[in-house]
């Protein structure tokens, strides 16, 4: 027979404020590290936002170029050319996604 415990399986143990003080946790009125990161001012105006805008502009320009090439140069109907251009745009976004996933997997660091 197992001894009775107040802890239910799968539930975290209740927090003890005295333990937090011993570990050097933030005071009750101070925000923790996670909320400090959320309130950081480097978000929407940082360099990653500029890169995102440039990549999206590049995708739109390339898809528009594909539409112009297909419709004007090759004489494809406008509806078919639009479908091709959308396909090219989505394919480019997949390529961007794969590159971004590969970079984040390596921690975004460039090899020295």
N, C-alpha and C. Protein backbone atom coordinates (compact mmCIF):
# COMPACT_ATOMS: atom_id res chain seq x y z
N UNK A 1 0.84 -1.16 0.00
CA UNK A 1 0.00 0.00 0.00
C UNK A 1 0.90 1.24 0.00
N UNK A 2 0.56 2.20 -0.83
CA UNK A 2 1.36 3.42 -0.92
C UNK A 2 0.85 4.45 0.07
N UNK A 3 1.74 5.28 0.60
CA UNK A 3 1.30 6.30 1.55
C UNK A 3 0.46 7.37 0.84
N UNK A 4 -0.46 7.95 1.57
CA UNK A 4 -1.33 8.99 1.02
C UNK A 4 -0.56 10.30 0.85
N UNK A 5 -0.69 10.90 -0.32
CA UNK A 5 -0.09 12.22 -0.55
C UNK A 5 -1.17 13.16 -1.06
N UNK A 6 -0.96 14.44 -0.84
CA UNK A 6 -1.92 15.44 -1.32
C UNK A 6 -1.73 15.74 -2.80
N UNK A 7 -0.63 15.31 -3.35
CA UNK A 7 -0.32 15.62 -4.74
C UNK A 7 -1.04 14.64 -5.65
N UNK A 8 -1.77 15.15 -6.62
CA UNK A 8 -2.44 14.30 -7.59
C UNK A 8 -1.48 14.00 -8.72
N UNK A 9 -1.58 12.84 -9.34
CA UNK A 9 -0.67 12.52 -10.44
C UNK A 9 -0.88 13.47 -11.61
N UNK A 10 0.20 13.96 -12.16
CA UNK A 10 0.13 14.86 -13.30
C UNK A 10 -0.02 16.32 -12.94
N UNK A 11 -0.23 16.63 -11.69
CA UNK A 11 -0.38 18.01 -11.26
C UNK A 11 0.92 18.50 -10.66
N UNK A 12 1.30 19.73 -10.90
CA UNK A 12 2.52 20.24 -10.27
C UNK A 12 2.31 20.45 -8.77
N UNK A 13 3.40 20.36 -8.07
CA UNK A 13 3.33 20.56 -6.62
C UNK A 13 3.01 22.02 -6.33
N UNK A 14 2.28 22.30 -5.24
CA UNK A 14 1.98 23.69 -4.91
C UNK A 14 3.27 24.46 -4.61
N UNK A 15 3.28 25.73 -5.00
CA UNK A 15 4.47 26.56 -4.79
C UNK A 15 4.49 27.10 -3.37
N UNK A 16 5.66 27.11 -2.82
CA UNK A 16 5.86 27.64 -1.48
C UNK A 16 6.63 28.96 -1.61
N UNK A 17 6.05 30.09 -1.18
CA UNK A 17 6.74 31.38 -1.31
C UNK A 17 8.09 31.41 -0.62
N UNK A 18 8.24 30.66 0.47
CA UNK A 18 9.53 30.64 1.17
C UNK A 18 10.60 30.01 0.29
N UNK A 19 10.23 28.97 -0.48
CA UNK A 19 11.19 28.35 -1.40
C UNK A 19 11.61 29.33 -2.49
N UNK A 20 10.65 30.13 -2.99
CA UNK A 20 10.97 31.11 -4.01
C UNK A 20 11.97 32.13 -3.48
N UNK A 21 11.79 32.55 -2.24
CA UNK A 21 12.70 33.53 -1.66
C UNK A 21 14.10 32.94 -1.51
N UNK A 22 14.18 31.68 -1.15
CA UNK A 22 15.48 31.04 -1.01
C UNK A 22 16.19 30.88 -2.36
N UNK A 23 15.41 30.63 -3.41
CA UNK A 23 16.01 30.48 -4.74
C UNK A 23 16.33 31.82 -5.38
N UNK A 24 15.90 32.91 -4.80
CA UNK A 24 16.16 34.23 -5.37
C UNK A 24 15.17 34.61 -6.44
N UNK A 25 13.95 34.08 -6.36
CA UNK A 25 12.93 34.41 -7.35
C UNK A 25 12.52 35.87 -7.18
N UNK A 26 11.86 36.40 -8.20
CA UNK A 26 11.42 37.79 -8.17
C UNK A 26 10.45 38.02 -7.04
N UNK A 27 10.45 39.23 -6.55
CA UNK A 27 9.50 39.61 -5.50
C UNK A 27 8.10 39.57 -6.08
N UNK A 28 7.08 39.46 -5.23
CA UNK A 28 5.71 39.32 -5.75
C UNK A 28 5.28 40.45 -6.68
N UNK A 29 5.74 41.66 -6.48
CA UNK A 29 5.32 42.76 -7.33
C UNK A 29 6.12 42.92 -8.61
N UNK A 30 7.24 42.22 -8.73
CA UNK A 30 8.10 42.37 -9.90
C UNK A 30 7.70 41.39 -10.99
N UNK A 31 7.79 41.81 -12.26
CA UNK A 31 7.49 40.88 -13.35
C UNK A 31 8.60 39.84 -13.48
N UNK A 32 8.23 38.65 -13.91
CA UNK A 32 9.24 37.62 -14.11
C UNK A 32 9.92 37.82 -15.47
N UNK A 33 10.90 36.96 -15.79
CA UNK A 33 11.66 37.10 -17.03
C UNK A 33 10.79 36.98 -18.26
N UNK A 34 9.79 36.11 -18.24
CA UNK A 34 8.95 35.91 -19.43
C UNK A 34 8.17 37.18 -19.75
N UNK A 35 7.60 37.85 -18.74
CA UNK A 35 6.84 39.06 -19.03
C UNK A 35 7.77 40.21 -19.40
N UNK A 36 9.01 40.19 -18.91
CA UNK A 36 9.96 41.22 -19.34
C UNK A 36 10.26 41.08 -20.83
N UNK A 37 10.37 39.83 -21.30
CA UNK A 37 10.62 39.62 -22.72
C UNK A 37 9.44 40.08 -23.56
N UNK A 38 8.22 39.88 -23.07
CA UNK A 38 7.05 40.29 -23.82
C UNK A 38 6.95 41.81 -23.90
N UNK A 39 7.42 42.51 -22.87
CA UNK A 39 7.34 43.96 -22.85
C UNK A 39 8.54 44.63 -23.50
N UNK A 40 9.43 43.86 -24.06
CA UNK A 40 10.64 44.40 -24.66
C UNK A 40 10.28 45.31 -25.84
N UNK A 41 10.99 46.41 -25.99
CA UNK A 41 10.66 47.40 -27.03
C UNK A 41 11.28 47.10 -28.38
N UNK A 42 11.99 46.00 -28.55
CA UNK A 42 12.68 45.75 -29.81
C UNK A 42 11.81 44.98 -30.80
N UNK A 43 10.54 44.80 -30.55
CA UNK A 43 9.66 43.97 -31.36
C UNK A 43 9.42 44.44 -32.78
N UNK A 44 8.33 45.16 -33.05
CA UNK A 44 7.90 45.40 -34.42
C UNK A 44 8.78 46.36 -35.22
N UNK A 45 9.68 47.07 -34.57
CA UNK A 45 10.51 47.99 -35.33
C UNK A 45 11.95 47.50 -35.46
N UNK A 46 12.22 46.29 -35.02
CA UNK A 46 13.58 45.75 -35.05
C UNK A 46 13.99 45.31 -36.44
N UNK A 47 15.23 44.85 -36.58
CA UNK A 47 15.74 44.44 -37.88
C UNK A 47 15.02 43.23 -38.45
N UNK A 48 14.48 42.34 -37.61
CA UNK A 48 13.77 41.19 -38.16
C UNK A 48 12.50 41.62 -38.88
N UNK A 49 11.88 42.70 -38.44
CA UNK A 49 10.71 43.22 -39.12
C UNK A 49 11.08 43.75 -40.51
N UNK A 50 12.21 44.41 -40.62
CA UNK A 50 12.66 44.92 -41.91
C UNK A 50 12.97 43.77 -42.86
N UNK A 51 13.60 42.73 -42.36
CA UNK A 51 13.91 41.57 -43.19
C UNK A 51 12.62 40.92 -43.68
N UNK A 52 11.64 40.80 -42.79
CA UNK A 52 10.36 40.21 -43.17
C UNK A 52 9.69 41.01 -44.29
N UNK A 53 9.68 42.31 -44.16
CA UNK A 53 9.07 43.16 -45.19
C UNK A 53 9.82 43.01 -46.51
N UNK A 54 11.14 43.00 -46.47
CA UNK A 54 11.92 42.85 -47.70
C UNK A 54 11.69 41.50 -48.37
N UNK A 55 11.59 40.44 -47.57
CA UNK A 55 11.34 39.11 -48.14
C UNK A 55 9.96 39.07 -48.77
N UNK A 56 8.96 39.61 -48.09
CA UNK A 56 7.61 39.61 -48.66
C UNK A 56 7.52 40.45 -49.92
N UNK A 57 8.19 41.58 -49.95
CA UNK A 57 8.20 42.40 -51.16
C UNK A 57 8.88 41.63 -52.30
N UNK A 58 9.97 40.92 -51.99
CA UNK A 58 10.65 40.12 -53.00
C UNK A 58 9.75 39.02 -53.55
N UNK A 59 8.99 38.36 -52.68
CA UNK A 59 8.09 37.30 -53.13
C UNK A 59 7.01 37.89 -54.04
N UNK A 60 6.45 39.03 -53.66
CA UNK A 60 5.41 39.66 -54.48
C UNK A 60 5.97 40.08 -55.83
N UNK A 61 7.17 40.64 -55.85
CA UNK A 61 7.78 41.07 -57.13
C UNK A 61 8.05 39.86 -58.02
N UNK A 62 8.58 38.78 -57.45
CA UNK A 62 8.85 37.60 -58.27
C UNK A 62 7.56 36.95 -58.78
N UNK A 63 6.54 36.89 -57.95
CA UNK A 63 5.26 36.33 -58.40
C UNK A 63 4.63 37.22 -59.47
N UNK A 64 4.73 38.55 -59.29
CA UNK A 64 4.22 39.47 -60.31
C UNK A 64 4.99 39.34 -61.61
N UNK A 65 6.30 39.16 -61.50
CA UNK A 65 7.12 38.93 -62.71
C UNK A 65 6.73 37.64 -63.41
N UNK A 66 6.45 36.61 -62.64
CA UNK A 66 6.01 35.35 -63.24
C UNK A 66 4.68 35.54 -63.96
N UNK A 67 3.76 36.32 -63.35
CA UNK A 67 2.48 36.60 -64.00
C UNK A 67 2.70 37.34 -65.31
N UNK A 68 3.56 38.36 -65.28
CA UNK A 68 3.82 39.14 -66.50
C UNK A 68 4.46 38.27 -67.57
N UNK A 69 5.41 37.44 -67.19
CA UNK A 69 6.06 36.55 -68.15
C UNK A 69 5.06 35.59 -68.76
N UNK A 70 4.21 35.02 -67.91
CA UNK A 70 3.26 34.03 -68.39
C UNK A 70 2.17 34.67 -69.25
N UNK A 71 1.60 35.76 -68.78
CA UNK A 71 0.46 36.36 -69.49
C UNK A 71 0.89 37.16 -70.71
N UNK A 72 1.91 37.98 -70.56
CA UNK A 72 2.27 38.89 -71.64
C UNK A 72 3.23 38.26 -72.65
N UNK A 73 4.22 37.55 -72.19
CA UNK A 73 5.23 37.01 -73.11
C UNK A 73 4.76 35.70 -73.72
N UNK A 74 4.24 34.81 -72.90
CA UNK A 74 3.87 33.49 -73.42
C UNK A 74 2.43 33.42 -73.89
N UNK A 75 1.64 34.45 -73.63
CA UNK A 75 0.26 34.51 -74.12
C UNK A 75 -0.70 33.59 -73.39
N UNK A 76 -0.41 33.25 -72.14
CA UNK A 76 -1.31 32.41 -71.34
C UNK A 76 -2.51 33.25 -70.91
N UNK A 77 -3.68 32.61 -70.82
CA UNK A 77 -4.86 33.33 -70.35
C UNK A 77 -4.60 33.91 -68.96
N UNK A 78 -5.24 35.04 -68.65
CA UNK A 78 -4.98 35.75 -67.40
C UNK A 78 -5.29 34.90 -66.17
N UNK A 79 -6.36 34.13 -66.20
CA UNK A 79 -6.72 33.27 -65.07
C UNK A 79 -5.67 32.20 -64.82
N UNK A 80 -5.16 31.59 -65.90
CA UNK A 80 -4.12 30.58 -65.75
C UNK A 80 -2.82 31.21 -65.28
N UNK A 81 -2.50 32.39 -65.81
CA UNK A 81 -1.28 33.08 -65.40
C UNK A 81 -1.35 33.47 -63.93
N UNK A 82 -2.53 33.89 -63.49
CA UNK A 82 -2.70 34.23 -62.07
C UNK A 82 -2.51 33.00 -61.19
N UNK A 83 -3.05 31.87 -61.61
CA UNK A 83 -2.86 30.63 -60.86
C UNK A 83 -1.40 30.23 -60.78
N UNK A 84 -0.68 30.38 -61.89
CA UNK A 84 0.75 30.07 -61.89
C UNK A 84 1.51 31.01 -60.95
N UNK A 85 1.16 32.29 -61.00
CA UNK A 85 1.84 33.27 -60.16
C UNK A 85 1.58 32.99 -58.68
N UNK A 86 0.35 32.62 -58.33
CA UNK A 86 0.05 32.27 -56.94
C UNK A 86 0.83 31.03 -56.52
N UNK A 87 0.94 30.05 -57.42
CA UNK A 87 1.72 28.86 -57.11
C UNK A 87 3.18 29.18 -56.87
N UNK A 88 3.74 30.07 -57.70
CA UNK A 88 5.13 30.48 -57.52
C UNK A 88 5.29 31.22 -56.20
N UNK A 89 4.34 32.09 -55.86
CA UNK A 89 4.41 32.83 -54.60
C UNK A 89 4.38 31.90 -53.40
N UNK A 90 3.48 30.91 -53.43
CA UNK A 90 3.42 29.95 -52.32
C UNK A 90 4.68 29.10 -52.26
N UNK A 91 5.23 28.71 -53.39
CA UNK A 91 6.47 27.93 -53.39
C UNK A 91 7.62 28.75 -52.80
N UNK A 92 7.68 30.03 -53.14
CA UNK A 92 8.72 30.88 -52.56
C UNK A 92 8.55 31.03 -51.06
N UNK A 93 7.32 31.14 -50.59
CA UNK A 93 7.08 31.23 -49.15
C UNK A 93 7.48 29.93 -48.44
N UNK A 94 7.29 28.79 -49.10
CA UNK A 94 7.74 27.53 -48.51
C UNK A 94 9.26 27.51 -48.41
N UNK A 95 9.94 27.99 -49.45
CA UNK A 95 11.40 28.05 -49.42
C UNK A 95 11.86 28.96 -48.27
N UNK A 96 11.22 30.11 -48.12
CA UNK A 96 11.57 31.03 -47.04
C UNK A 96 11.33 30.37 -45.68
N UNK A 97 10.24 29.62 -45.55
CA UNK A 97 9.94 28.93 -44.31
C UNK A 97 10.99 27.87 -43.98
N UNK A 98 11.41 27.10 -44.97
CA UNK A 98 12.42 26.07 -44.74
C UNK A 98 13.75 26.71 -44.35
N UNK A 99 14.13 27.79 -45.02
CA UNK A 99 15.37 28.48 -44.67
C UNK A 99 15.29 29.04 -43.26
N UNK A 100 14.16 29.62 -42.90
CA UNK A 100 13.98 30.15 -41.55
C UNK A 100 14.03 29.06 -40.50
N UNK A 101 13.43 27.90 -40.79
CA UNK A 101 13.47 26.79 -39.84
C UNK A 101 14.89 26.27 -39.68
N UNK A 102 15.63 26.20 -40.76
CA UNK A 102 17.02 25.73 -40.68
C UNK A 102 17.88 26.72 -39.89
N UNK A 103 17.63 27.99 -40.08
CA UNK A 103 18.40 28.99 -39.34
C UNK A 103 18.06 28.97 -37.86
N UNK A 104 16.78 28.83 -37.52
CA UNK A 104 16.42 28.81 -36.11
C UNK A 104 16.88 27.53 -35.43
N UNK A 105 16.99 26.47 -36.19
CA UNK A 105 17.49 25.21 -35.61
C UNK A 105 18.95 25.35 -35.23
N UNK A 106 19.68 26.13 -36.00
CA UNK A 106 21.10 26.34 -35.67
C UNK A 106 21.26 27.50 -34.71
N UNK A 107 20.18 28.04 -34.22
CA UNK A 107 20.24 29.14 -33.27
C UNK A 107 20.40 30.50 -33.94
N UNK A 108 20.27 30.54 -35.26
CA UNK A 108 20.39 31.80 -35.98
C UNK A 108 21.80 32.32 -36.07
N UNK A 109 22.78 31.49 -35.67
CA UNK A 109 24.17 31.93 -35.70
C UNK A 109 24.78 31.63 -37.05
N UNK A 110 25.63 32.51 -37.47
CA UNK A 110 26.38 32.29 -38.71
C UNK A 110 27.67 31.58 -38.37
N UNK A 111 28.07 30.63 -39.20
CA UNK A 111 29.35 29.96 -38.91
C UNK A 111 30.50 30.92 -39.05
N UNK A 112 31.48 30.80 -38.14
CA UNK A 112 32.64 31.68 -38.18
C UNK A 112 33.67 31.22 -39.18
